[in-house]
Amino acid sequence: MTLTISPATPDDIPGIVDVWYKVFRAPILLEAFPDTPAVKAWLAESFKRCMVEESRRTRFMVVTDDDSGRKVVSFTRWVNKQGGKDGISHWSSRWGKELGEGMDYDFVDQKFFGPMAKQQEAIMGEKQHLVLEVLGTDPSYHRQGAASKMLQWGREEADRDRLEMYVSASSQGQPLYERFGFAVCKEQLSKETSAAPMMRRIGGVKIGE
């Protein structure tokens, strides 16, 4: 098996959407992003927009199985959050202000993105930092090194630019992130979201040192 990491292109979008719905099956995610043709089309358009509009400061990466015809097996979206008051932009600036048919804006805003954004802002403030906004890996490729390739890429980018890193982590993802130097910011754990706020300091220095 040959797994290769590379920047995502619009041709990869169908594979990314396919992996999305293999991975994100939790009730809150299916309520925010229903598994319907209309929402899949909305996700595809949202992903394409962020791939082609450099001003959004996002980087899509994919890991592909080149022995299976460049099959997308993992994807990430990284966001370089700029410093200052506008450093943490509203989620709709990246995902789209107009949601797909069948999506509930209030739920997406207040129950899904909003609580995670509050944690991030409380921890990172106005500092520039690199955010792992989403990471999904096809379950049939777990423990094959795909997600590690993604995190290694992000770590190298952050260390090169001397940036801290941030991720809103699921309980399943926490052990992997910890191996790459992230630590849970326990003081900002919230009952409003199951996502754990995790930060990696510049160069992987442990929090508290």
Protein backbone atom coordinates (compact mmCIF):
# COMPACT_ATOMS: atom_id res chain seq x y z
CA MET A 1 0.00 0.00 0.00
CA THR A 2 1.38 3.37 -1.04
CA LEU A 3 -0.08 6.30 0.92
CA THR A 4 0.83 9.77 -0.34
CA ILE A 5 0.05 13.17 1.16
CA SER A 6 -0.57 16.09 -1.18
CA PRO A 7 -2.63 19.29 -1.50
CA ALA A 8 -6.26 18.52 -2.28
CA THR A 9 -7.71 19.52 -5.63
CA PRO A 10 -11.32 19.85 -6.77
CA ASP A 11 -10.99 16.39 -8.33
CA ASP A 12 -10.56 14.99 -4.81
CA ILE A 13 -13.82 16.46 -3.49
CA PRO A 14 -16.08 13.45 -4.19
CA GLY A 15 -13.63 11.27 -2.26
CA ILE A 16 -13.45 13.78 0.59
CA VAL A 17 -17.24 13.90 0.91
CA ASP A 18 -17.35 10.09 0.84
CA VAL A 19 -14.83 9.87 3.70
CA TRP A 20 -16.72 12.60 5.61
CA TYR A 21 -19.88 10.49 5.83
CA LYS A 22 -17.96 7.32 6.66
CA VAL A 23 -16.37 9.08 9.62
CA PHE A 24 -18.78 11.67 10.99
CA ARG A 25 -21.76 9.56 12.06
CA ALA A 26 -22.29 10.95 15.58
CA PRO A 27 -25.86 12.23 16.13
CA ILE A 28 -24.81 15.87 16.52
CA LEU A 29 -22.86 15.74 13.24
CA LEU A 30 -25.70 14.11 11.32
CA GLU A 31 -28.08 16.72 12.69
CA ALA A 32 -25.72 19.52 11.66
CA PHE A 33 -24.82 17.94 8.31
CA PRO A 34 -27.62 15.55 7.28
CA ASP A 35 -26.60 12.70 4.99
CA THR A 36 -28.60 13.90 1.99
CA PRO A 37 -27.72 14.73 -1.63
CA ALA A 38 -28.41 18.43 -1.01
CA VAL A 39 -26.04 18.68 1.95
CA LYS A 40 -23.38 16.63 0.18
CA ALA A 41 -23.56 19.11 -2.70
CA TRP A 42 -23.28 22.00 -0.23
CA LEU A 43 -20.23 20.44 1.42
CA ALA A 44 -18.63 19.91 -1.97
CA GLU A 45 -19.15 23.55 -2.93
CA SER A 46 -17.88 24.74 0.46
CA PHE A 47 -14.73 22.64 0.12
CA LYS A 48 -14.12 23.81 -3.44
CA ARG A 49 -14.48 27.46 -2.46
CA CYS A 50 -11.86 27.14 0.25
CA MET A 51 -9.50 25.30 -2.10
CA VAL A 52 -9.53 28.00 -4.75
CA GLU A 53 -9.83 31.20 -2.69
CA GLU A 54 -6.40 31.85 -1.20
CA SER A 55 -7.67 34.80 0.84
CA ARG A 56 -9.35 32.34 3.20
CA ARG A 57 -5.91 31.13 4.34
CA THR A 58 -7.00 27.52 4.35
CA ARG A 59 -5.07 24.48 3.22
CA PHE A 60 -6.78 21.25 2.26
CA MET A 61 -4.60 18.16 2.29
CA VAL A 62 -5.41 14.60 1.33
CA VAL A 63 -3.76 11.25 1.83
CA THR A 64 -4.41 8.94 -1.09
CA ASP A 65 -3.94 5.24 -1.67
CA ASP A 66 -2.03 5.36 -4.94
CA ASP A 67 -2.30 1.61 -5.38
CA SER A 68 -6.08 2.08 -5.65
CA GLY A 69 -6.09 4.84 -8.24
CA ARG A 70 -5.47 7.83 -5.95
CA LYS A 71 -8.34 6.92 -3.66
CA VAL A 72 -8.84 9.56 -0.95
CA VAL A 73 -8.42 7.83 2.42
CA SER A 74 -7.89 10.84 4.69
CA PHE A 75 -8.34 14.60 4.51
CA THR A 76 -7.60 17.64 6.62
CA ARG A 77 -8.45 21.30 6.49
CA TRP A 78 -5.96 23.63 8.16
CA VAL A 79 -6.65 27.28 8.87
CA ASN A 80 -3.93 29.85 9.51
CA LYS A 81 -5.69 32.15 11.95
CA GLN A 82 -4.28 35.63 11.68
CA GLY A 83 -3.53 37.71 14.74
CA GLY A 84 -5.56 40.65 15.98
CA LYS A 85 -9.24 41.16 16.71
CA ASP A 86 -10.26 39.48 13.47
CA GLY A 87 -7.96 36.52 14.03
CA ILE A 88 -10.78 34.08 14.77
CA SER A 89 -13.23 34.56 11.95
CA HIS A 90 -16.79 33.33 12.07
CA TRP A 91 -17.21 29.78 10.78
CA SER A 92 -19.50 30.99 7.98
CA SER A 93 -16.61 32.86 6.35
CA ARG A 94 -15.10 29.46 5.52
CA TRP A 95 -18.08 27.13 5.32
CA GLY A 96 -20.57 29.48 3.68
CA LYS A 97 -23.23 31.89 4.90
CA GLU A 98 -25.97 30.13 2.97
CA LEU A 99 -26.48 26.59 4.22
CA GLY A 100 -27.71 23.61 2.25
CA GLU A 101 -31.31 22.51 2.08
CA GLY A 102 -32.28 20.72 5.27
CA MET A 103 -29.60 22.36 7.43
CA ASP A 104 -30.60 24.33 10.53
CA TYR A 105 -28.51 27.51 10.83
CA ASP A 106 -29.25 28.01 14.54
CA PHE A 107 -28.24 24.44 15.35
CA VAL A 108 -25.07 24.60 13.27
CA ASP A 109 -24.15 27.97 14.78
CA GLN A 110 -25.18 27.58 18.42
CA LYS A 111 -24.82 23.86 19.08
CA PHE A 112 -21.98 22.81 16.81
CA PHE A 113 -19.53 25.54 15.78
CA GLY A 114 -20.34 28.13 18.45
CA PRO A 115 -19.24 26.27 21.61
CA MET A 116 -15.98 25.15 20.00
CA ALA A 117 -15.27 28.70 18.82
CA LYS A 118 -15.75 30.01 22.38
CA GLN A 119 -13.18 27.55 23.68
CA GLN A 120 -10.72 28.45 20.96
CA GLU A 121 -11.07 32.18 21.51
CA ALA A 122 -10.66 31.83 25.27
CA ILE A 123 -7.44 29.86 24.83
CA MET A 124 -5.80 31.41 21.78
CA GLY A 125 -7.07 34.97 22.05
CA GLU A 126 -5.71 37.23 19.32
CA LYS A 127 -2.53 35.25 18.66
CA GLN A 128 -1.79 33.95 15.19
CA HIS A 129 -1.96 30.15 15.20
CA LEU A 130 -2.52 27.13 12.99
CA VAL A 131 -5.84 25.32 13.44
CA LEU A 132 -6.63 21.77 12.46
CA GLU A 133 -10.26 22.42 11.63
CA VAL A 134 -11.20 18.94 10.47
CA LEU A 135 -9.50 15.56 10.10
CA GLY A 136 -11.24 12.50 8.72
CA THR A 137 -9.80 9.09 7.88
CA ASP A 138 -11.62 6.23 6.18
CA PRO A 139 -12.20 3.64 8.96
CA SER A 140 -10.85 0.88 6.72
CA TYR A 141 -7.50 2.73 6.71
CA HIS A 142 -7.19 3.29 10.46
CA ARG A 143 -3.78 2.52 11.94
CA GLN A 144 -2.13 2.68 8.53
CA GLY A 145 -0.36 6.01 9.18
CA ALA A 146 -2.64 8.31 7.17
CA ALA A 147 -3.64 10.59 10.05
CA SER A 148 -0.04 10.69 11.30
CA LYS A 149 1.08 11.92 7.88
CA MET A 150 -1.42 14.75 8.19
CA LEU A 151 -0.29 15.77 11.64
CA GLN A 152 3.38 15.54 10.73
CA TRP A 153 2.72 17.90 7.82
CA GLY A 154 0.89 20.37 10.06
CA ARG A 155 3.54 20.20 12.76
CA GLU A 156 6.28 20.99 10.24
CA GLU A 157 4.28 23.94 8.87
CA ALA A 158 3.66 25.34 12.34
CA ASP A 159 7.26 24.91 13.51
CA ARG A 160 8.59 26.52 10.33
CA ASP A 161 6.42 29.59 10.90
CA ARG A 162 6.86 29.52 14.72
CA LEU A 163 3.13 29.10 15.36
CA GLU A 164 1.15 27.43 18.09
CA MET A 165 -1.42 24.85 16.98
CA TYR A 166 -5.00 24.23 18.05
CA VAL A 167 -7.60 21.50 17.55
CA SER A 168 -11.07 20.74 18.93
CA ALA A 169 -10.57 17.04 19.53
CA SER A 170 -12.90 14.10 19.83
CA SER A 171 -12.19 11.60 22.61
CA GLN A 172 -11.07 9.10 19.96
CA GLY A 173 -8.60 11.55 18.46
CA GLN A 174 -6.98 12.80 21.66
CA PRO A 175 -4.33 10.07 22.00
CA LEU A 176 -3.08 10.72 18.45
CA TYR A 177 -2.90 14.47 19.01
CA GLU A 178 -1.03 13.95 22.27
CA ARG A 179 1.65 11.97 20.40
CA PHE A 180 2.20 15.06 18.27
CA GLY A 181 2.62 17.40 21.23
CA PHE A 182 -0.94 18.62 21.85
CA ALA A 183 -2.31 18.85 25.38
CA VAL A 184 -5.87 19.31 26.63
CA CYS A 185 -6.57 22.78 28.05
CA LYS A 186 -8.59 21.44 30.96
CA GLU A 187 -9.57 24.87 32.28
CA GLN A 188 -11.63 25.46 29.15
CA LEU A 189 -13.52 22.14 29.00
CA SER A 190 -17.19 22.93 28.44
CA LYS A 191 -20.48 21.12 28.95
CA GLU A 192 -21.71 22.80 25.75
CA THR A 193 -19.55 20.57 23.53
CA SER A 194 -17.95 17.14 23.76
CA ALA A 195 -14.90 18.43 21.88
CA ALA A 196 -11.79 18.86 24.00
CA PRO A 197 -9.74 22.01 23.36
CA MET A 198 -6.13 21.00 22.66
CA MET A 199 -3.13 23.21 22.01
CA ARG A 200 0.43 22.56 20.92
CA ARG A 201 2.99 25.17 21.85
CA ILE A 202 5.68 26.35 19.46
CA GLY A 203 8.20 23.58 18.97
CA GLY A 204 6.10 21.17 21.01
CA VAL A 205 7.09 22.63 24.37
CA LYS A 206 4.84 21.13 27.03
CA ILE A 207 2.18 23.40 28.53
CA GLY A 208 3.43 24.70 31.86
CA GLU A 209 7.10 24.64 30.93
